């Protein structure tokens, strides 16, 4: 098993554990190079109350790949809270929303992270 696959399995288990929180209504997975506090502030403006960084200190391509693979795994989890609690608009359209990741960055700079945000 590749290191990336092991890492994804751990991250997916973390998301699954968070989905077991009874008060969690909806969540989504995202990528950013902003500091967590700044991203959390943006999401609070639209009703999301919590943000947790799943993995950080990644280059842009690593971060985007992990975001994409987590979403792919979530959408394949038919009947599980992983899919049932995923953001309704994204879940219903089954669109993998690999973000553009903002402007390209120097691959040597590991400033990106993958997060989960929920309410």
PDB file of N, CA and C in Angstrom:
ATOM      1  N   UNK A   1       0.846  -1.175   0.000  1.00  0.00           N
ATOM      2  CA  UNK A   1       0.000   0.000   0.000  1.00  0.00           C
ATOM      3  C   UNK A   1       0.894   1.242   0.000  1.00  0.00           C
ATOM      4  N   UNK A   2       0.571   2.181  -0.861  1.00  0.00           N
ATOM      5  CA  UNK A   2       1.386   3.392  -0.956  1.00  0.00           C
ATOM      6  C   UNK A   2       1.182   4.285   0.265  1.00  0.00           C
ATOM      7  N   UNK A   3       2.155   5.153   0.492  1.00  0.00           N
ATOM      8  CA  UNK A   3       2.058   6.090   1.616  1.00  0.00           C
ATOM      9  C   UNK A   3       0.841   6.996   1.452  1.00  0.00           C
ATOM     10  N   UNK A   4       0.591   7.462   0.233  1.00  0.00           N
ATOM     11  CA  UNK A   4      -0.563   8.326  -0.003  1.00  0.00           C
ATOM     12  C   UNK A   4      -1.855   7.594   0.347  1.00  0.00           C
ATOM     13  N   UNK A   5      -1.962   6.320  -0.044  1.00  0.00           N
ATOM     14  CA  UNK A   5      -3.172   5.550   0.257  1.00  0.00           C
ATOM     15  C   UNK A   5      -3.360   5.407   1.762  1.00  0.00           C
ATOM     16  N   UNK A   6      -2.269   5.136   2.488  1.00  0.00           N
ATOM     17  CA  UNK A   6      -2.350   5.028   3.950  1.00  0.00           C
ATOM     18  C   UNK A   6      -2.780   6.360   4.554  1.00  0.00           C
ATOM     19  N   UNK A   7      -2.177   7.440   4.072  1.00  0.00           N
ATOM     20  CA  UNK A   7      -2.534   8.769   4.571  1.00  0.00           C
ATOM     21  C   UNK A   7      -4.005   9.070   4.299  1.00  0.00           C
ATOM     22  N   UNK A   8      -4.481   8.736   3.108  1.00  0.00           N
ATOM     23  CA  UNK A   8      -5.880   8.974   2.770  1.00  0.00           C
ATOM     24  C   UNK A   8      -6.804   8.157   3.660  1.00  0.00           C
ATOM     25  N   UNK A   9      -6.423   6.925   3.950  1.00  0.00           N
ATOM     26  CA  UNK A   9      -7.236   6.084   4.834  1.00  0.00           C
ATOM     27  C   UNK A   9      -7.342   6.696   6.226  1.00  0.00           C
ATOM     28  N   UNK A  10      -6.239   7.220   6.738  1.00  0.00           N
ATOM     29  CA  UNK A  10      -6.254   7.868   8.057  1.00  0.00           C
ATOM     30  C   UNK A  10      -7.124   9.126   8.008  1.00  0.00           C
ATOM     31  N   UNK A  11      -6.974   9.928   6.971  1.00  0.00           N
ATOM     32  CA  UNK A  11      -7.769  11.149   6.847  1.00  0.00           C
ATOM     33  C   UNK A  11      -9.255  10.828   6.719  1.00  0.00           C
ATOM     34  N   UNK A  12      -9.575   9.805   5.938  1.00  0.00           N
ATOM     35  CA  UNK A  12     -10.971   9.411   5.781  1.00  0.00           C
ATOM     36  C   UNK A  12     -11.544   8.902   7.102  1.00  0.00           C
ATOM     37  N   UNK A  13     -10.749   8.196   7.875  1.00  0.00           N
ATOM     38  CA  UNK A  13     -11.190   7.748   9.205  1.00  0.00           C
ATOM     39  C   UNK A  13     -11.447   8.942  10.119  1.00  0.00           C
ATOM     40  N   UNK A  14     -10.621   9.961  10.008  1.00  0.00           N
ATOM     41  CA  UNK A  14     -10.818  11.174  10.799  1.00  0.00           C
ATOM     42  C   UNK A  14     -12.127  11.854  10.413  1.00  0.00           C
ATOM     43  N   UNK A  15     -12.378  11.977   9.123  1.00  0.00           N
ATOM     44  CA  UNK A  15     -13.625  12.583   8.649  1.00  0.00           C
ATOM     45  C   UNK A  15     -14.815  11.749   9.120  1.00  0.00           C
ATOM     46  N   UNK A  16     -14.695  10.433   9.036  1.00  0.00           N
ATOM     47  CA  UNK A  16     -15.764   9.540   9.483  1.00  0.00           C
ATOM     48  C   UNK A  16     -16.052   9.744  10.973  1.00  0.00           C
ATOM     49  N   UNK A  17     -15.005   9.877  11.775  1.00  0.00           N
ATOM     50  CA  UNK A  17     -15.190  10.106  13.216  1.00  0.00           C
ATOM     51  C   UNK A  17     -15.902  11.436  13.463  1.00  0.00           C
ATOM     52  N   UNK A  18     -15.527  12.470  12.725  1.00  0.00           N
ATOM     53  CA  UNK A  18     -16.198  13.761  12.877  1.00  0.00           C
ATOM     54  C   UNK A  18     -17.665  13.676  12.451  1.00  0.00           C
ATOM     55  N   UNK A  19     -17.946  12.862  11.437  1.00  0.00           N
ATOM     56  CA  UNK A  19     -19.335  12.694  10.985  1.00  0.00           C
ATOM     57  C   UNK A  19     -20.205  12.013  12.037  1.00  0.00           C
ATOM     58  N   UNK A  20     -19.587  11.338  12.982  1.00  0.00           N
ATOM     59  CA  UNK A  20     -20.367  10.669  14.030  1.00  0.00           C
ATOM     60  C   UNK A  20     -20.829  11.645  15.113  1.00  0.00           C
ATOM     61  N   UNK A  21     -20.371  12.877  15.069  1.00  0.00           N
ATOM     62  CA  UNK A  21     -20.823  13.892  16.019  1.00  0.00           C
ATOM     63  C   UNK A  21     -22.299  14.183  15.712  1.00  0.00           C
ATOM     64  N   UNK A  22     -23.201  13.919  16.656  1.00  0.00           N
ATOM     65  CA  UNK A  22     -24.632  14.095  16.378  1.00  0.00           C
ATOM     66  C   UNK A  22     -25.012  15.509  15.933  1.00  0.00           C
ATOM     67  N   UNK A  23     -24.327  16.515  16.437  1.00  0.00           N
ATOM     68  CA  UNK A  23     -24.689  17.894  16.089  1.00  0.00           C
ATOM     69  C   UNK A  23     -24.163  18.341  14.720  1.00  0.00           C
ATOM     70  N   UNK A  24     -23.357  17.503  14.055  1.00  0.00           N
ATOM     71  CA  UNK A  24     -22.878  17.871  12.718  1.00  0.00           C
ATOM     72  C   UNK A  24     -24.019  17.683  11.720  1.00  0.00           C
ATOM     73  N   UNK A  25     -24.374  18.752  11.038  1.00  0.00           N
ATOM     74  CA  UNK A  25     -25.429  18.684  10.026  1.00  0.00           C
ATOM     75  C   UNK A  25     -24.860  18.457   8.635  1.00  0.00           C
ATOM     76  N   UNK A  26     -23.946  19.323   8.226  1.00  0.00           N
ATOM     77  CA  UNK A  26     -23.315  19.215   6.911  1.00  0.00           C
ATOM     78  C   UNK A  26     -21.852  19.599   7.034  1.00  0.00           C
ATOM     79  N   UNK A  27     -21.069  19.084   6.105  1.00  0.00           N
ATOM     80  CA  UNK A  27     -19.644  19.411   6.085  1.00  0.00           C
ATOM     81  C   UNK A  27     -19.173  19.433   4.646  1.00  0.00           C
ATOM     82  N   UNK A  28     -17.995  19.928   4.453  1.00  0.00           N
ATOM     83  CA  UNK A  28     -17.320  19.786   3.168  1.00  0.00           C
ATOM     84  C   UNK A  28     -15.820  19.781   3.383  1.00  0.00           C
ATOM     85  N   UNK A  29     -15.145  19.289   2.373  1.00  0.00           N
ATOM     86  CA  UNK A  29     -13.683  19.180   2.366  1.00  0.00           C
ATOM     87  C   UNK A  29     -13.158  20.249   1.413  1.00  0.00           C
ATOM     88  N   UNK A  30     -12.079  20.896   1.786  1.00  0.00           N
ATOM     89  CA  UNK A  30     -11.517  21.918   0.922  1.00  0.00           C
ATOM     90  C   UNK A  30     -10.003  22.001   1.015  1.00  0.00           C
ATOM     91  N   UNK A  31      -9.465  22.831   0.169  1.00  0.00           N
ATOM     92  CA  UNK A  31      -8.023  23.080   0.056  1.00  0.00           C
ATOM     93  C   UNK A  31      -7.813  24.584   0.214  1.00  0.00           C
ATOM     94  N   UNK A  32      -6.750  24.961   0.883  1.00  0.00           N
ATOM     95  CA  UNK A  32      -6.432  26.385   0.986  1.00  0.00           C
ATOM     96  C   UNK A  32      -4.950  26.584   1.228  1.00  0.00           C
ATOM     97  N   UNK A  33      -4.503  27.773   0.919  1.00  0.00           N
ATOM     98  CA  UNK A  33      -3.163  28.154   1.359  1.00  0.00           C
ATOM     99  C   UNK A  33      -3.249  29.301   2.359  1.00  0.00           C
ATOM    100  N   UNK A  34      -4.482  29.659   2.720  1.00  0.00           N
ATOM    101  CA  UNK A  34      -4.699  30.675   3.752  1.00  0.00           C
ATOM    102  C   UNK A  34      -4.476  30.074   5.138  1.00  0.00           C
ATOM    103  N   UNK A  35      -4.154  30.895   6.119  1.00  0.00           N
ATOM    104  CA  UNK A  35      -4.100  30.400   7.497  1.00  0.00           C
ATOM    105  C   UNK A  35      -5.493  29.901   7.911  1.00  0.00           C
ATOM    106  N   UNK A  36      -5.533  28.893   8.772  1.00  0.00           N
ATOM    107  CA  UNK A  36      -6.807  28.285   9.179  1.00  0.00           C
ATOM    108  C   UNK A  36      -7.767  29.310   9.770  1.00  0.00           C
ATOM    109  N   UNK A  37      -7.265  30.228  10.590  1.00  0.00           N
ATOM    110  CA  UNK A  37      -8.158  31.211  11.215  1.00  0.00           C
ATOM    111  C   UNK A  37      -8.845  32.079  10.172  1.00  0.00           C
ATOM    112  N   UNK A  38      -8.119  32.396   9.098  1.00  0.00           N
ATOM    113  CA  UNK A  38      -8.676  33.249   8.051  1.00  0.00           C
ATOM    114  C   UNK A  38      -9.739  32.495   7.251  1.00  0.00           C
ATOM    115  N   UNK A  39      -9.455  31.232   6.939  1.00  0.00           N
ATOM    116  CA  UNK A  39     -10.424  30.415   6.210  1.00  0.00           C
ATOM    117  C   UNK A  39     -11.670  30.192   7.064  1.00  0.00           C
ATOM    118  N   UNK A  40     -11.482  29.940   8.368  1.00  0.00           N
ATOM    119  CA  UNK A  40     -12.616  29.742   9.279  1.00  0.00           C
ATOM    120  C   UNK A  40     -13.496  30.990   9.326  1.00  0.00           C
ATOM    121  N   UNK A  41     -12.876  32.161   9.328  1.00  0.00           N
ATOM    122  CA  UNK A  41     -13.633  33.418   9.336  1.00  0.00           C
ATOM    123  C   UNK A  41     -14.498  33.531   8.085  1.00  0.00           C
ATOM    124  N   UNK A  42     -13.953  33.170   6.929  1.00  0.00           N
ATOM    125  CA  UNK A  42     -14.722  33.203   5.680  1.00  0.00           C
ATOM    126  C   UNK A  42     -15.935  32.283   5.772  1.00  0.00           C
ATOM    127  N   UNK A  43     -15.731  31.079   6.288  1.00  0.00           N
ATOM    128  CA  UNK A  43     -16.826  30.114   6.367  1.00  0.00           C
ATOM    129  C   UNK A  43     -17.867  30.502   7.414  1.00  0.00           C
ATOM    130  N   UNK A  44     -17.459  31.133   8.501  1.00  0.00           N
ATOM    131  CA  UNK A  44     -18.431  31.570   9.508  1.00  0.00           C
ATOM    132  C   UNK A  44     -19.436  32.551   8.910  1.00  0.00           C
ATOM    133  N   UNK A  45     -18.992  33.333   7.959  1.00  0.00           N
ATOM    134  CA  UNK A  45     -19.880  34.309   7.309  1.00  0.00           C
ATOM    135  C   UNK A  45     -21.027  33.632   6.559  1.00  0.00           C
ATOM    136  N   UNK A  46     -20.845  32.369   6.180  1.00  0.00           N
ATOM    137  CA  UNK A  46     -21.892  31.648   5.448  1.00  0.00           C
ATOM    138  C   UNK A  46     -22.481  30.506   6.280  1.00  0.00           C
ATOM    139  N   UNK A  47     -22.261  30.539   7.589  1.00  0.00           N
ATOM    140  CA  UNK A  47     -22.947  29.615   8.484  1.00  0.00           C
ATOM    141  C   UNK A  47     -22.186  28.405   8.978  1.00  0.00           C
ATOM    142  N   UNK A  48     -20.980  28.173   8.483  1.00  0.00           N
ATOM    143  CA  UNK A  48     -20.193  27.043   8.984  1.00  0.00           C
ATOM    144  C   UNK A  48     -19.515  27.470  10.281  1.00  0.00           C
ATOM    145  N   UNK A  49     -19.648  26.650  11.320  1.00  0.00           N
ATOM    146  CA  UNK A  49     -19.165  27.042  12.642  1.00  0.00           C
ATOM    147  C   UNK A  49     -17.799  26.478  13.001  1.00  0.00           C
ATOM    148  N   UNK A  50     -17.390  25.407  12.351  1.00  0.00           N
ATOM    149  CA  UNK A  50     -16.166  24.717  12.763  1.00  0.00           C
ATOM    150  C   UNK A  50     -15.270  24.445  11.556  1.00  0.00           C
ATOM    151  N   UNK A  51     -13.967  24.553  11.776  1.00  0.00           N
ATOM    152  CA  UNK A  51     -12.983  24.190  10.760  1.00  0.00           C
ATOM    153  C   UNK A  51     -11.852  23.452  11.454  1.00  0.00           C
ATOM    154  N   UNK A  52     -11.462  22.328  10.874  1.00  0.00           N
ATOM    155  CA  UNK A  52     -10.305  21.585  11.372  1.00  0.00           C
ATOM    156  C   UNK A  52      -9.382  21.296  10.197  1.00  0.00           C
ATOM    157  N   UNK A  53      -8.112  21.523  10.393  1.00  0.00           N
ATOM    158  CA  UNK A  53      -7.117  21.204   9.373  1.00  0.00           C
ATOM    159  C   UNK A  53      -6.839  19.709   9.460  1.00  0.00           C
ATOM    160  N   UNK A  54      -7.030  19.018   8.341  1.00  0.00           N
ATOM    161  CA  UNK A  54      -6.782  17.577   8.294  1.00  0.00           C
ATOM    162  C   UNK A  54      -5.313  17.272   8.051  1.00  0.00           C
ATOM    163  N   UNK A  55      -4.699  18.057   7.189  1.00  0.00           N
ATOM    164  CA  UNK A  55      -3.280  17.880   6.875  1.00  0.00           C
ATOM    165  C   UNK A  55      -2.757  19.215   6.344  1.00  0.00           C
ATOM    166  N   UNK A  56      -1.527  19.556   6.731  1.00  0.00           N
ATOM    167  CA  UNK A  56      -0.966  20.830   6.285  1.00  0.00           C
ATOM    168  C   UNK A  56       0.485  20.657   5.867  1.00  0.00           C
ATOM    169  N   UNK A  57       1.089  21.779   5.552  1.00  0.00           N
ATOM    170  CA  UNK A  57       2.479  21.816   5.085  1.00  0.00           C
ATOM    171  C   UNK A  57       2.672  20.966   3.821  1.00  0.00           C
ATOM    172  N   UNK A  58       1.723  21.155   2.895  1.00  0.00           N
ATOM    173  CA  UNK A  58       1.767  20.463   1.611  1.00  0.00           C
ATOM    174  C   UNK A  58       2.045  21.470   0.510  1.00  0.00           C
ATOM    175  N   UNK A  59       2.605  20.986  -0.599  1.00  0.00           N
ATOM    176  CA  UNK A  59       2.665  21.876  -1.749  1.00  0.00           C
ATOM    177  C   UNK A  59       1.288  21.862  -2.418  1.00  0.00           C
ATOM    178  N   UNK A  60       1.086  22.758  -3.341  1.00  0.00           N
ATOM    179  CA  UNK A  60      -0.225  22.945  -3.967  1.00  0.00           C
ATOM    180  C   UNK A  60      -0.745  21.662  -4.607  1.00  0.00           C
ATOM    181  N   UNK A  61       0.081  20.980  -5.377  1.00  0.00           N
ATOM    182  CA  UNK A  61      -0.368  19.766  -6.072  1.00  0.00           C
ATOM    183  C   UNK A  61      -0.725  18.647  -5.099  1.00  0.00           C
ATOM    184  N   UNK A  62       0.074  18.473  -4.042  1.00  0.00           N
ATOM    185  CA  UNK A  62      -0.244  17.453  -3.029  1.00  0.00           C
ATOM    186  C   UNK A  62      -1.593  17.752  -2.380  1.00  0.00           C
ATOM    187  N   UNK A  63      -1.788  18.999  -2.026  1.00  0.00           N
ATOM    188  CA  UNK A  63      -3.014  19.409  -1.356  1.00  0.00           C
ATOM    189  C   UNK A  63      -4.235  19.197  -2.253  1.00  0.00           C
ATOM    190  N   UNK A  64      -4.132  19.595  -3.498  1.00  0.00           N
ATOM    191  CA  UNK A  64      -5.241  19.413  -4.431  1.00  0.00           C
ATOM    192  C   UNK A  64      -5.526  17.936  -4.674  1.00  0.00           C
ATOM    193  N   UNK A  65      -4.485  17.126  -4.759  1.00  0.00           N
ATOM    194  CA  UNK A  65      -4.675  15.684  -4.977  1.00  0.00           C
ATOM    195  C   UNK A  65      -5.377  15.038  -3.788  1.00  0.00           C
ATOM    196  N   UNK A  66      -4.991  15.408  -2.581  1.00  0.00           N
ATOM    197  CA  UNK A  66      -5.624  14.840  -1.387  1.00  0.00           C
ATOM    198  C   UNK A  66      -7.077  15.296  -1.295  1.00  0.00           C
ATOM    199  N   UNK A  67      -7.333  16.569  -1.550  1.00  0.00           N
ATOM    200  CA  UNK A  67      -8.716  17.067  -1.550  1.00  0.00           C
ATOM    201  C   UNK A  67      -9.568  16.244  -2.518  1.00  0.00           C
ATOM    202  N   UNK A  68      -9.070  16.057  -3.725  1.00  0.00           N
ATOM    203  CA  UNK A  68      -9.795  15.322  -4.759  1.00  0.00           C
ATOM    204  C   UNK A  68     -10.039  13.867  -4.346  1.00  0.00           C
ATOM    205  N   UNK A  69      -9.027  13.207  -3.846  1.00  0.00           N
ATOM    206  CA  UNK A  69      -9.167  11.795  -3.471  1.00  0.00           C
ATOM    207  C   UNK A  69     -10.100  11.607  -2.280  1.00  0.00           C
ATOM    208  N   UNK A  70     -10.064  12.517  -1.323  1.00  0.00           N
ATOM    209  CA  UNK A  70     -11.008  12.435  -0.203  1.00  0.00           C
ATOM    210  C   UNK A  70     -12.442  12.581  -0.712  1.00  0.00           C
ATOM    211  N   UNK A  71     -12.680  13.546  -1.572  1.00  0.00           N
ATOM    212  CA  UNK A  71     -14.026  13.726  -2.118  1.00  0.00           C
ATOM    213  C   UNK A  71     -14.462  12.499  -2.912  1.00  0.00           C
ATOM    214  N   UNK A  72     -13.570  11.943  -3.695  1.00  0.00           N
ATOM    215  CA  UNK A  72     -13.902  10.750  -4.482  1.00  0.00           C
ATOM    216  C   UNK A  72     -14.316   9.610  -3.558  1.00  0.00           C
ATOM    217  N   UNK A  73     -13.566   9.410  -2.485  1.00  0.00           N
ATOM    218  CA  UNK A  73     -13.881   8.349  -1.525  1.00  0.00           C
ATOM    219  C   UNK A  73     -15.214   8.612  -0.826  1.00  0.00           C
ATOM    220  N   UNK A  74     -15.464   9.851  -0.479  1.00  0.00           N
ATOM    221  CA  UNK A  74     -16.729  10.214   0.177  1.00  0.00           C
ATOM    222  C   UNK A  74     -17.903   9.932  -0.757  1.00  0.00           C
ATOM    223  N   UNK A  75     -17.807  10.329  -2.015  1.00  0.00           N
ATOM    224  CA  UNK A  75     -18.901  10.116  -2.960  1.00  0.00           C
ATOM    225  C   UNK A  75     -19.120   8.640  -3.258  1.00  0.00           C
ATOM    226  N   UNK A  76     -18.124   7.815  -3.020  1.00  0.00           N
ATOM    227  CA  UNK A  76     -18.267   6.368  -3.221  1.00  0.00           C
ATOM    228  C   UNK A  76     -18.859   5.674  -1.995  1.00  0.00           C
ATOM    229  N   UNK A  77     -19.053   6.409  -0.914  1.00  0.00           N
ATOM    230  CA  UNK A  77     -19.529   5.834   0.356  1.00  0.00           C
ATOM    231  C   UNK A  77     -21.049   5.889   0.448  1.00  0.00           C
ATOM    232  N   UNK A  78     -21.723   5.288  -0.504  1.00  0.00           N
ATOM    233  CA  UNK A  78     -23.185   5.308  -0.562  1.00  0.00           C
ATOM    234  C   UNK A  78     -23.776   4.758   0.737  1.00  0.00           C
ATOM    235  N   UNK A  79     -24.732   5.498   1.300  1.00  0.00           N
ATOM    236  CA  UNK A  79     -25.434   5.048   2.499  1.00  0.00           C
ATOM    237  C   UNK A  79     -24.725   5.314   3.814  1.00  0.00           C
ATOM    238  N   UNK A  80     -23.549   5.899   3.772  1.00  0.00           N
ATOM    239  CA  UNK A  80     -22.814   6.160   5.016  1.00  0.00           C
ATOM    240  C   UNK A  80     -22.956   7.633   5.400  1.00  0.00           C
ATOM    241  N   UNK A  81     -22.718   7.951   6.681  1.00  0.00           N
ATOM    242  CA  UNK A  81     -22.743   9.360   7.091  1.00  0.00           C
ATOM    243  C   UNK A  81     -21.733  10.213   6.317  1.00  0.00           C
ATOM    244  N   UNK A  82     -20.651   9.589   5.846  1.00  0.00           N
ATOM    245  CA  UNK A  82     -19.670  10.338   5.049  1.00  0.00           C
ATOM    246  C   UNK A  82     -20.355  11.034   3.877  1.00  0.00           C
ATOM    247  N   UNK A  83     -21.244  10.327   3.212  1.00  0.00           N
ATOM    248  CA  UNK A  83     -21.943  10.911   2.069  1.00  0.00           C
ATOM    249  C   UNK A  83     -23.206  11.644   2.505  1.00  0.00           C
ATOM    250  N   UNK A  84     -23.952  11.078   3.421  1.00  0.00           N
ATOM    251  CA  UNK A  84     -25.226  11.673   3.834  1.00  0.00           C
ATOM    252  C   UNK A  84     -25.057  13.069   4.432  1.00  0.00           C
ATOM    253  N   UNK A  85     -23.957  13.306   5.120  1.00  0.00           N
ATOM    254  CA  UNK A  85     -23.740  14.611   5.755  1.00  0.00           C
ATOM    255  C   UNK A  85     -22.920  15.574   4.893  1.00  0.00           C
ATOM    256  N   UNK A  86     -22.461  15.109   3.711  1.00  0.00           N
ATOM    257  CA  UNK A  86     -21.682  16.001   2.862  1.00  0.00           C
ATOM    258  C   UNK A  86     -22.579  17.136   2.372  1.00  0.00           C
ATOM    259  N   UNK A  87     -22.006  18.282   2.124  1.00  0.00           N
ATOM    260  CA  UNK A  87     -22.738  19.480   1.698  1.00  0.00           C
ATOM    261  C   UNK A  87     -23.760  19.119   0.619  1.00  0.00           C
ATOM    262  N   UNK A  88     -25.019  19.423   0.886  1.00  0.00           N
ATOM    263  CA  UNK A  88     -26.125  18.961   0.044  1.00  0.00           C
ATOM    264  C   UNK A  88     -25.954  19.302  -1.433  1.00  0.00           C
ATOM    265  N   UNK A  89     -25.620  20.528  -1.749  1.00  0.00           N
ATOM    266  CA  UNK A  89     -25.492  20.913  -3.155  1.00  0.00           C
ATOM    267  C   UNK A  89     -24.406  20.108  -3.857  1.00  0.00           C
ATOM    268  N   UNK A  90     -23.298  19.918  -3.199  1.00  0.00           N
ATOM    269  CA  UNK A  90     -22.197  19.170  -3.808  1.00  0.00           C
ATOM    270  C   UNK A  90     -22.522  17.681  -3.857  1.00  0.00           C
ATOM    271  N   UNK A  91     -23.143  17.171  -2.800  1.00  0.00           N
ATOM    272  CA  UNK A  91     -23.502  15.751  -2.722  1.00  0.00           C
ATOM    273  C   UNK A  91     -24.512  15.394  -3.805  1.00  0.00           C
ATOM    274  N   UNK A  92     -25.554  16.203  -3.956  1.00  0.00           N
ATOM    275  CA  UNK A  92     -26.621  15.881  -4.896  1.00  0.00           C
ATOM    276  C   UNK A  92     -26.162  15.915  -6.345  1.00  0.00           C
ATOM    277  N   UNK A  93     -25.173  16.717  -6.638  1.00  0.00           N
ATOM    278  CA  UNK A  93     -24.676  16.801  -8.013  1.00  0.00           C
ATOM    279  C   UNK A  93     -23.483  15.890  -8.263  1.00  0.00           C
ATOM    280  N   UNK A  94     -22.948  15.302  -7.203  1.00  0.00           N
ATOM    281  CA  UNK A  94     -21.806  14.377  -7.292  1.00  0.00           C
ATOM    282  C   UNK A  94     -20.682  14.950  -8.157  1.00  0.00           C
ATOM    283  N   UNK A  95     -20.437  16.227  -7.957  1.00  0.00           N
ATOM    284  CA  UNK A  95     -19.376  16.892  -8.704  1.00  0.00           C
ATOM    285  C   UNK A  95     -18.147  16.975  -7.815  1.00  0.00           C
ATOM    286  N   UNK A  96     -17.074  16.375  -8.262  1.00  0.00           N
ATOM    287  CA  UNK A  96     -15.821  16.507  -7.528  1.00  0.00           C
ATOM    288  C   UNK A  96     -15.350  17.933  -7.727  1.00  0.00           C
ATOM    289  N   UNK A  97     -15.273  18.653  -6.637  1.00  0.00           N
ATOM    290  CA  UNK A  97     -14.960  20.075  -6.759  1.00  0.00           C
ATOM    291  C   UNK A  97     -13.490  20.335  -6.491  1.00  0.00           C
ATOM    292  N   UNK A  98     -12.659  19.706  -7.293  1.00  0.00           N
ATOM    293  CA  UNK A  98     -11.239  19.998  -7.142  1.00  0.00           C
ATOM    294  C   UNK A  98     -11.047  21.483  -7.385  1.00  0.00           C
ATOM    295  N   UNK A  99     -10.627  22.156  -6.350  1.00  0.00           N
ATOM    296  CA  UNK A  99     -10.478  23.596  -6.463  1.00  0.00           C
ATOM    297  C   UNK A  99      -9.286  23.924  -7.356  1.00  0.00           C
ATOM    298  N   UNK A 100      -9.286  25.148  -7.799  1.00  0.00           N
ATOM    299  CA  UNK A 100      -8.170  25.605  -8.622  1.00  0.00           C
ATOM    300  C   UNK A 100      -6.959  25.919  -7.762  1.00  0.00           C
ATOM    301  N   UNK A 101      -7.190  26.044  -6.475  1.00  0.00           N
ATOM    302  CA  UNK A 101      -6.084  26.242  -5.553  1.00  0.00           C
ATOM    303  C   UNK A 101      -5.471  27.621  -5.598  1.00  0.00           C
ATOM    304  N   UNK A 102      -6.213  28.582  -6.100  1.00  0.00           N
ATOM    305  CA  UNK A 102      -5.661  29.925  -6.163  1.00  0.00           C
ATOM    306  C   UNK A 102      -4.543  30.010  -7.185  1.00  0.00           C
ATOM    307  N   UNK A 103      -3.700  30.974  -7.005  1.00  0.00           N
ATOM    308  CA  UNK A 103      -2.608  31.147  -7.957  1.00  0.00           C
ATOM    309  C   UNK A 103      -1.517  30.111  -7.701  1.00  0.00           C
ATOM    310  N   UNK A 104      -0.830  29.693  -8.760  1.00  0.00           N
ATOM    311  CA  UNK A 104       0.243  28.709  -8.598  1.00  0.00           C
ATOM    312  C   UNK A 104       1.302  29.196  -7.611  1.00  0.00           C
ATOM    313  N   UNK A 105       1.862  28.250  -6.902  1.00  0.00           N
ATOM    314  CA  UNK A 105       2.894  28.579  -5.924  1.00  0.00           C
ATOM    315  C   UNK A 105       4.157  27.796  -6.242  1.00  0.00           C
ATOM    316  N   UNK A 106       5.232  28.225  -5.678  1.00  0.00           N
ATOM    317  CA  UNK A 106       6.502  27.521  -5.805  1.00  0.00           C
ATOM    318  C   UNK A 106       6.353  26.155  -5.138  1.00  0.00           C
ATOM    319  N   UNK A 107       6.594  25.045  -5.864  1.00  0.00           N
ATOM    320  CA  UNK A 107       6.433  23.712  -5.281  1.00  0.00           C
ATOM    321  C   UNK A 107       7.309  23.473  -4.049  1.00  0.00           C
ATOM    322  N   UNK A 108       8.359  24.231  -3.916  1.00  0.00           N
ATOM    323  CA  UNK A 108       9.232  24.060  -2.751  1.00  0.00           C
ATOM    324  C   UNK A 108       8.599  24.644  -1.487  1.00  0.00           C
ATOM    325  N   UNK A 109       7.623  25.517  -1.681  1.00  0.00           N
ATOM    326  CA  UNK A 109       6.957  26.139  -0.534  1.00  0.00           C
ATOM    327  C   UNK A 109       5.749  25.293  -0.157  1.00  0.00           C
ATOM    328  N   UNK A 110       5.799  24.748   1.024  1.00  0.00           N
ATOM    329  CA  UNK A 110       4.726  23.869   1.488  1.00  0.00           C
ATOM    330  C   UNK A 110       3.834  24.653   2.443  1.00  0.00           C
ATOM    331  N   UNK A 111       2.891  25.402   1.838  1.00  0.00           N
ATOM    332  CA  UNK A 111       2.038  26.285   2.625  1.00  0.00           C
ATOM    333  C   UNK A 111       0.555  25.936   2.517  1.00  0.00           C
ATOM    334  N   UNK A 112       0.222  24.842   1.847  1.00  0.00           N
ATOM    335  CA  UNK A 112      -1.177  24.493   1.619  1.00  0.00           C
ATOM    336  C   UNK A 112      -1.675  23.476   2.636  1.00  0.00           C
ATOM    337  N   UNK A 113      -2.993  23.457   2.807  1.00  0.00           N
ATOM    338  CA  UNK A 113      -3.604  22.489   3.713  1.00  0.00           C
ATOM    339  C   UNK A 113      -4.939  22.011   3.150  1.00  0.00           C
ATOM    340  N   UNK A 114      -5.390  20.877   3.680  1.00  0.00           N
ATOM    341  CA  UNK A 114      -6.707  20.331   3.384  1.00  0.00           C
ATOM    342  C   UNK A 114      -7.475  20.379   4.694  1.00  0.00           C
ATOM    343  N   UNK A 115      -8.716  20.829   4.630  1.00  0.00           N
ATOM    344  CA  UNK A 115      -9.492  21.037   5.848  1.00  0.00           C
ATOM    345  C   UNK A 115     -10.883  20.438   5.705  1.00  0.00           C
ATOM    346  N   UNK A 116     -11.549  20.311   6.837  1.00  0.00           N
ATOM    347  CA  UNK A 116     -12.967  19.988   6.887  1.00  0.00           C
ATOM    348  C   UNK A 116     -13.645  21.142   7.610  1.00  0.00           C
ATOM    349  N   UNK A 117     -14.780  21.565   7.094  1.00  0.00           N
ATOM    350  CA  UNK A 117     -15.555  22.629   7.712  1.00  0.00           C
ATOM    351  C   UNK A 117     -16.976  22.108   7.871  1.00  0.00           C
ATOM    352  N   UNK A 118     -17.610  22.439   9.009  1.00  0.00           N
ATOM    353  CA  UNK A 118     -18.957  21.916   9.235  1.00  0.00           C
ATOM    354  C   UNK A 118     -19.780  22.821  10.137  1.00  0.00           C
ATOM    355  N   UNK A 119     -21.077  22.532  10.143  1.00  0.00           N
ATOM    356  CA  UNK A 119     -22.005  23.171  11.081  1.00  0.00           C
ATOM    357  C   UNK A 119     -22.971  22.126  11.579  1.00  0.00           C
TER     358      UNK A 119
END
